[in-house]
Amino acid sequence: MASLMKKLTFLISLTNDDNDYQQEQASVAQQAAQRYGIDITIICAQNDAITQSQQLLNVIQSSEPHPDAILFEPVGGTALPQAARAAAAAGIGWVVMNRDAEYIGELRKVYKVPLFSITSDHEEVGRIQGQQLGALLPQGGSVLYIQGPTESLAAKQRSAGMYEAKPAEISIKSMKAHWTEESSYKTVSSWLRLSTSQTAQIDVVAAQDDSMAMGARKAFQDHTSGAARERWLSLPYLGCDGVPKTGQAWVQSGLLAATIVIPAVSGKAIEMLANAFRAGTMPAERALTVPASFPALEHLTTMRQAKSQGSGL
């Protein structure tokens, strides 16, 4: 364990620096570090799992002084078990954010540094989005659904939750992007160039991330015109993350119909680490944050009813 006299230093590895949730993770981490008197360094992997693995191994294997702990949000399909073992063996604490990692339990039996995961309940995020779809489409309909990347466990879990909770009468047309507005814009723009998109009957656009929902909206704004453009932009758009300055603000301004507030986990992770180092204890193996619909599901139902009455339906 780190000496009580020594100022703790943590390294935080995020997936990218151009997604509003990742930016919120960085901001919350900086606030928590200041609160607990910890020095932090934040690095980004630019959505590349190999880059992330190499960045972390370089730190772990360096002859320079090591950080007391590494906190990271995995980019790829694995939570870097080899890097985790190397970190623990080097006396570096290891925290996996927004991902469950089965190896944590095994490493905790061998090493005494703090080792744990902290994640959102991504299946519950998906279930909430499925319920939002049901509130907006009580008679059924078709949804254009923009998922995160194939290798992302969070994307898979959110999809599973959404399919579990959505009414059977709602059909899903899915496509994939990379958690950024730009990637979603490119994905939807490519789809709009297909002849099949011209005849698609879509009632809601839903994305697994607020920035991807906004990227889709921008693609429809830029690549359609006339009545088609007006219709696409009048659809309800749903996202996830619910960062106050972006997702929640977009709901309040009407650009999104709803989002899901997913608390940034970095602050809680830093708090758990700080307490563990200073008390010489091992934190719980897994911590979970609770997502919530924004606005509440009842509000979405009321909004949909008001809109239906207003249009004479």
Protein backbone atom coordinates (compact mmCIF):
# COMPACT_ATOMS: atom_id res chain seq x y z
CA MET A 1 0.00 0.00 0.00
CA ALA A 2 1.06 3.56 -0.62
CA SER A 3 2.69 5.41 2.23
CA LEU A 4 0.39 7.74 4.17
CA MET A 5 2.97 10.51 3.74
CA LYS A 6 3.15 10.17 -0.02
CA LYS A 7 0.77 12.00 -2.30
CA LEU A 8 -1.18 9.44 -4.30
CA THR A 9 -0.88 9.50 -8.10
CA PHE A 10 -3.39 7.86 -10.42
CA LEU A 11 -3.34 7.32 -14.19
CA ILE A 12 -6.72 7.43 -15.94
CA SER A 13 -7.12 5.94 -19.42
CA LEU A 14 -10.28 6.95 -21.31
CA THR A 15 -11.49 5.63 -24.65
CA ASN A 16 -11.41 9.01 -26.43
CA ASP A 17 -11.52 12.74 -25.79
CA ASP A 18 -14.28 13.79 -28.22
CA ASN A 19 -17.30 12.10 -26.62
CA ASP A 20 -19.33 14.05 -24.07
CA TYR A 21 -19.47 11.17 -21.58
CA GLN A 22 -15.70 10.64 -21.74
CA GLN A 23 -15.23 14.38 -21.26
CA GLU A 24 -17.54 14.18 -18.25
CA GLN A 25 -15.49 11.24 -16.92
CA ALA A 26 -12.38 13.44 -17.17
CA SER A 27 -14.06 16.42 -15.53
CA VAL A 28 -15.52 14.37 -12.65
CA ALA A 29 -12.13 12.68 -12.14
CA GLN A 30 -10.38 16.04 -11.89
CA GLN A 31 -12.91 17.28 -9.34
CA ALA A 32 -12.57 14.11 -7.25
CA ALA A 33 -8.76 14.23 -7.42
CA GLN A 34 -8.80 17.80 -6.15
CA ARG A 35 -11.21 16.84 -3.38
CA TYR A 36 -9.03 13.96 -2.18
CA GLY A 37 -5.64 15.62 -2.76
CA ILE A 38 -4.54 13.20 -5.50
CA ASP A 39 -2.41 13.85 -8.58
CA ILE A 40 -3.96 12.41 -11.73
CA THR A 41 -2.83 12.08 -15.34
CA ILE A 42 -5.49 11.47 -18.00
CA ILE A 43 -4.66 9.80 -21.32
CA CYS A 44 -6.93 8.84 -24.22
CA ALA A 45 -6.77 5.81 -26.52
CA GLN A 46 -8.64 7.43 -29.45
CA ASN A 47 -10.94 4.40 -29.72
CA ASP A 48 -8.03 2.02 -30.44
CA ALA A 49 -7.66 -1.03 -28.18
CA ILE A 50 -4.08 -1.71 -29.29
CA THR A 51 -3.10 1.88 -28.55
CA GLN A 52 -4.69 1.65 -25.10
CA SER A 53 -2.94 -1.62 -24.28
CA GLN A 54 0.43 -0.26 -25.40
CA GLN A 55 -0.01 3.01 -23.50
CA LEU A 56 -0.74 1.15 -20.28
CA LEU A 57 2.00 -1.45 -20.70
CA ASN A 58 4.50 1.35 -21.36
CA VAL A 59 3.57 2.88 -18.00
CA ILE A 60 3.62 -0.44 -16.13
CA GLN A 61 6.99 -1.50 -17.60
CA SER A 62 8.61 1.92 -17.32
CA SER A 63 11.66 2.49 -15.11
CA GLU A 64 10.06 5.81 -14.11
CA PRO A 65 8.10 5.96 -10.82
CA HIS A 66 4.79 4.12 -11.20
CA PRO A 67 1.38 5.61 -10.46
CA ASP A 68 -0.25 4.15 -7.36
CA ALA A 69 -3.22 3.02 -9.45
CA ILE A 70 -4.49 2.83 -13.02
CA LEU A 71 -8.15 3.44 -13.78
CA PHE A 72 -9.24 2.65 -17.31
CA GLU A 73 -12.32 2.29 -19.49
CA PRO A 74 -11.65 -0.50 -22.00
CA VAL A 75 -11.88 0.29 -25.71
CA GLY A 76 -11.89 -3.25 -27.05
CA GLY A 77 -13.54 -6.56 -26.34
CA THR A 78 -11.37 -7.44 -23.36
CA ALA A 79 -10.47 -5.61 -20.17
CA LEU A 80 -6.73 -6.21 -20.76
CA PRO A 81 -6.15 -9.10 -18.32
CA GLN A 82 -2.41 -9.34 -19.10
CA ALA A 83 -1.89 -5.65 -18.38
CA ALA A 84 -3.96 -6.02 -15.20
CA ARG A 85 -1.77 -8.86 -13.95
CA ALA A 86 1.41 -6.94 -14.82
CA ALA A 87 0.12 -3.86 -12.98
CA ALA A 88 -0.84 -5.81 -9.88
CA ALA A 89 2.51 -7.61 -9.88
CA ALA A 90 4.22 -4.21 -10.03
CA GLY A 91 2.23 -3.01 -7.02
CA ILE A 92 -0.12 -0.79 -9.04
CA GLY A 93 -3.82 -0.68 -8.15
CA TRP A 94 -6.16 -1.51 -11.05
CA VAL A 95 -9.72 -0.30 -11.66
CA VAL A 96 -11.85 -1.29 -14.65
CA MET A 97 -14.52 1.32 -15.43
CA ASN A 98 -17.80 0.62 -17.22
CA ARG A 99 -17.00 -3.03 -17.74
CA ASP A 100 -17.21 -6.21 -15.71
CA ALA A 101 -13.91 -8.11 -15.64
CA GLU A 102 -13.99 -11.72 -14.52
CA TYR A 103 -10.25 -11.79 -13.80
CA ILE A 104 -10.57 -9.26 -10.95
CA GLY A 105 -11.66 -11.92 -8.48
CA GLU A 106 -8.69 -14.14 -9.32
CA LEU A 107 -6.16 -11.31 -9.03
CA ARG A 108 -7.59 -10.23 -5.66
CA LYS A 109 -6.69 -13.66 -4.26
CA VAL A 110 -3.03 -13.14 -5.18
CA TYR A 111 -2.29 -9.41 -4.90
CA LYS A 112 -2.94 -6.95 -2.09
CA VAL A 113 -3.22 -3.73 -4.11
CA PRO A 114 -6.76 -2.35 -4.68
CA LEU A 115 -8.39 -4.23 -7.58
CA PHE A 116 -12.04 -3.72 -8.53
CA SER A 117 -14.50 -2.81 -11.28
CA ILE A 118 -17.09 -0.05 -11.26
CA THR A 119 -19.71 0.09 -13.95
CA SER A 120 -23.11 1.31 -14.96
CA ASP A 121 -25.83 -1.31 -15.26
CA HIS A 122 -25.76 -1.28 -19.07
CA GLU A 123 -28.53 -3.84 -19.45
CA GLU A 124 -30.73 -1.58 -17.31
CA VAL A 125 -29.75 1.35 -19.55
CA GLY A 126 -31.03 -0.69 -22.51
CA ARG A 127 -34.21 -1.67 -20.66
CA ILE A 128 -34.94 1.99 -19.90
CA GLN A 129 -34.47 2.86 -23.57
CA GLY A 130 -36.80 0.01 -24.54
CA GLN A 131 -39.38 1.42 -22.12
CA GLN A 132 -38.90 4.90 -23.63
CA LEU A 133 -39.62 3.43 -27.06
CA GLY A 134 -42.77 1.83 -25.69
CA ALA A 135 -43.91 5.15 -24.22
CA LEU A 136 -43.39 6.93 -27.55
CA LEU A 137 -44.80 4.14 -29.75
CA PRO A 138 -47.70 2.52 -27.85
CA GLN A 139 -49.19 1.22 -31.13
CA GLY A 140 -45.83 -0.07 -32.35
CA GLY A 141 -43.62 1.30 -35.11
CA SER A 142 -40.11 1.24 -36.52
CA VAL A 143 -36.93 2.50 -34.87
CA LEU A 144 -33.61 3.44 -36.44
CA TYR A 145 -31.21 2.19 -33.75
CA ILE A 146 -27.58 3.32 -33.65
CA GLN A 147 -25.43 0.99 -31.56
CA GLY A 148 -21.90 1.32 -30.26
CA PRO A 149 -19.08 -0.71 -31.87
CA THR A 150 -19.31 -4.51 -32.24
CA GLU A 151 -16.50 -5.21 -29.77
CA SER A 152 -18.04 -3.07 -27.01
CA LEU A 153 -19.57 -5.08 -24.17
CA ALA A 154 -21.56 -2.02 -23.05
CA ALA A 155 -23.10 -1.79 -26.54
CA LYS A 156 -24.04 -5.49 -26.46
CA GLN A 157 -25.55 -5.20 -22.99
CA ARG A 158 -27.54 -2.08 -23.88
CA SER A 159 -28.87 -3.82 -27.01
CA ALA A 160 -29.87 -6.90 -24.99
CA GLY A 161 -31.70 -4.75 -22.44
CA MET A 162 -33.48 -2.75 -25.12
CA TYR A 163 -34.71 -5.86 -26.95
CA GLU A 164 -35.84 -7.34 -23.64
CA ALA A 165 -37.92 -4.30 -22.67
CA LYS A 166 -39.29 -2.97 -25.97
CA PRO A 167 -42.82 -3.97 -26.99
CA ALA A 168 -42.95 -6.75 -29.60
CA GLU A 169 -44.80 -4.45 -32.04
CA ILE A 170 -41.73 -2.21 -32.36
CA SER A 171 -39.27 -3.23 -35.10
CA ILE A 172 -35.59 -2.28 -35.04
CA LYS A 173 -33.36 -1.22 -37.94
CA SER A 174 -29.85 -1.17 -36.45
CA MET A 175 -26.49 0.23 -37.53
CA LYS A 176 -23.20 0.76 -35.72
CA ALA A 177 -21.00 3.75 -34.90
CA HIS A 178 -18.12 4.49 -32.52
CA TRP A 179 -19.54 6.52 -29.62
CA THR A 180 -18.92 9.87 -31.35
CA GLU A 181 -21.08 12.37 -33.21
CA GLU A 182 -18.78 12.20 -36.23
CA SER A 183 -18.91 8.41 -36.52
CA SER A 184 -22.72 8.37 -36.27
CA TYR A 185 -22.94 11.18 -38.83
CA LYS A 186 -20.87 9.10 -41.28
CA THR A 187 -22.89 5.94 -40.63
CA VAL A 188 -26.27 7.60 -41.14
CA SER A 189 -24.99 9.61 -44.13
CA SER A 190 -23.87 6.35 -45.80
CA TRP A 191 -27.26 4.77 -45.11
CA LEU A 192 -29.04 7.77 -46.63
CA ARG A 193 -27.17 7.16 -49.89
CA LEU A 194 -28.84 3.74 -50.19
CA SER A 195 -32.06 3.59 -52.17
CA THR A 196 -33.70 1.56 -49.38
CA SER A 197 -33.43 4.53 -47.03
CA GLN A 198 -35.80 6.52 -49.26
CA THR A 199 -38.68 4.14 -48.57
CA ALA A 200 -37.87 3.39 -44.92
CA GLN A 201 -40.70 4.20 -42.54
CA ILE A 202 -38.98 5.27 -39.33
CA ASP A 203 -40.89 6.58 -36.30
CA VAL A 204 -38.08 7.13 -33.75
CA VAL A 205 -34.30 7.50 -33.99
CA ALA A 206 -32.59 5.97 -30.94
CA ALA A 207 -28.88 5.83 -30.21
CA GLN A 208 -26.85 4.25 -27.43
CA ASP A 209 -25.12 7.58 -26.85
CA ASP A 210 -26.33 11.21 -26.94
CA SER A 211 -23.56 12.37 -29.25
CA MET A 212 -24.45 9.59 -31.73
CA ALA A 213 -28.10 10.70 -31.64
CA MET A 214 -26.98 14.23 -32.48
CA GLY A 215 -24.73 12.95 -35.27
CA ALA A 216 -27.71 11.16 -36.81
CA ARG A 217 -29.81 14.29 -36.54
CA LYS A 218 -27.10 16.32 -38.26
CA ALA A 219 -26.86 13.76 -41.08
CA PHE A 220 -30.61 14.06 -41.76
CA GLN A 221 -30.32 17.83 -41.67
CA ASP A 222 -27.42 17.88 -44.16
CA HIS A 223 -28.44 15.12 -46.56
CA THR A 224 -32.20 15.48 -46.97
CA SER A 225 -34.39 18.33 -48.14
CA GLY A 226 -37.98 19.53 -48.36
CA ALA A 227 -40.72 17.42 -46.79
CA ALA A 228 -38.35 14.50 -46.16
CA ARG A 229 -35.96 16.69 -44.20
CA GLU A 230 -38.82 18.20 -42.23
CA ARG A 231 -40.13 14.76 -41.33
CA TRP A 232 -36.75 13.35 -40.29
CA LEU A 233 -36.05 16.33 -38.04
CA SER A 234 -39.53 16.16 -36.47
CA LEU A 235 -39.02 12.58 -35.24
CA PRO A 236 -38.25 11.88 -31.57
CA TYR A 237 -34.51 11.28 -31.00
CA LEU A 238 -33.32 9.25 -28.01
CA GLY A 239 -29.82 9.02 -26.56
CA CYS A 240 -27.92 7.79 -23.50
CA ASP A 241 -25.45 9.33 -21.02
CA GLY A 242 -27.44 12.38 -19.93
CA VAL A 243 -24.48 14.65 -19.21
CA PRO A 244 -25.97 17.91 -17.84
CA LYS A 245 -24.34 20.28 -20.34
CA THR A 246 -25.05 18.10 -23.39
CA GLY A 247 -27.64 15.30 -23.21
CA GLN A 248 -29.88 16.89 -20.60
CA ALA A 249 -29.53 20.32 -22.25
CA TRP A 250 -30.46 18.79 -25.64
CA VAL A 251 -33.62 17.30 -24.11
CA GLN A 252 -34.54 20.63 -22.55
CA SER A 253 -34.05 22.42 -25.89
CA GLY A 254 -36.08 19.81 -27.79
CA LEU A 255 -33.25 18.37 -29.90
CA LEU A 256 -33.64 15.05 -28.06
CA ALA A 257 -36.95 13.67 -26.79
CA ALA A 258 -35.20 11.81 -23.98
CA THR A 259 -31.89 10.52 -22.69
CA ILE A 260 -30.74 8.20 -19.90
CA VAL A 261 -28.63 9.67 -17.12
CA ILE A 262 -25.62 7.39 -16.61
CA PRO A 263 -23.49 8.76 -13.76
CA ALA A 264 -19.78 9.13 -14.58
CA VAL A 265 -18.04 6.42 -12.56
CA SER A 266 -14.56 7.99 -12.37
CA GLY A 267 -15.30 10.11 -9.29
CA LYS A 268 -16.64 7.19 -7.26
CA ALA A 269 -13.67 5.07 -8.41
CA ILE A 270 -11.19 7.69 -7.16
CA GLU A 271 -13.05 7.95 -3.85
CA MET A 272 -12.95 4.16 -3.40
CA LEU A 273 -9.24 4.04 -4.26
CA ALA A 274 -8.32 6.93 -1.98
CA ASN A 275 -10.15 5.33 0.96
CA ALA A 276 -8.57 1.93 0.23
CA PHE A 277 -5.01 3.26 0.11
CA ARG A 278 -5.39 5.43 3.17
CA ALA A 279 -7.15 2.80 5.28
CA GLY A 280 -5.08 -0.10 3.97
CA THR A 281 -8.22 -2.00 3.01
CA MET A 282 -9.48 -3.75 -0.15
CA PRO A 283 -12.57 -2.16 -1.77
CA ALA A 284 -15.58 -4.21 -2.83
CA GLU A 285 -14.85 -6.27 -5.94
CA ARG A 286 -17.62 -4.63 -7.97
CA ALA A 287 -19.52 -1.36 -7.64
CA LEU A 288 -22.58 -0.43 -9.68
CA THR A 289 -24.19 2.92 -10.53
CA VAL A 290 -27.90 3.30 -11.28
CA PRO A 291 -29.17 4.89 -14.54
CA ALA A 292 -32.43 6.86 -14.82
CA SER A 293 -34.68 8.09 -17.63
CA PHE A 294 -34.56 11.83 -18.35
CA PRO A 295 -37.30 12.95 -18.42
CA ALA A 296 -39.26 10.34 -16.44
CA LEU A 297 -41.13 7.74 -18.49
CA GLU A 298 -44.48 9.17 -17.38
CA HIS A 299 -43.51 12.52 -18.85
CA LEU A 300 -42.70 10.88 -22.18
CA THR A 301 -46.14 9.25 -22.24
CA THR A 302 -47.82 12.58 -21.46
CA MET A 303 -45.75 14.35 -24.13
CA ARG A 304 -46.68 11.74 -26.74
CA GLN A 305 -50.39 12.00 -25.84
CA ALA A 306 -50.30 15.79 -26.07
CA LYS A 307 -48.58 15.59 -29.46
CA SER A 308 -51.13 13.07 -30.75
CA GLN A 309 -54.04 15.26 -29.64
CA GLY A 310 -52.42 18.33 -31.12
CA SER A 311 -52.04 16.64 -34.51
CA GLY A 312 -55.62 15.40 -34.44
CA LEU A 313 -54.59 11.72 -34.38
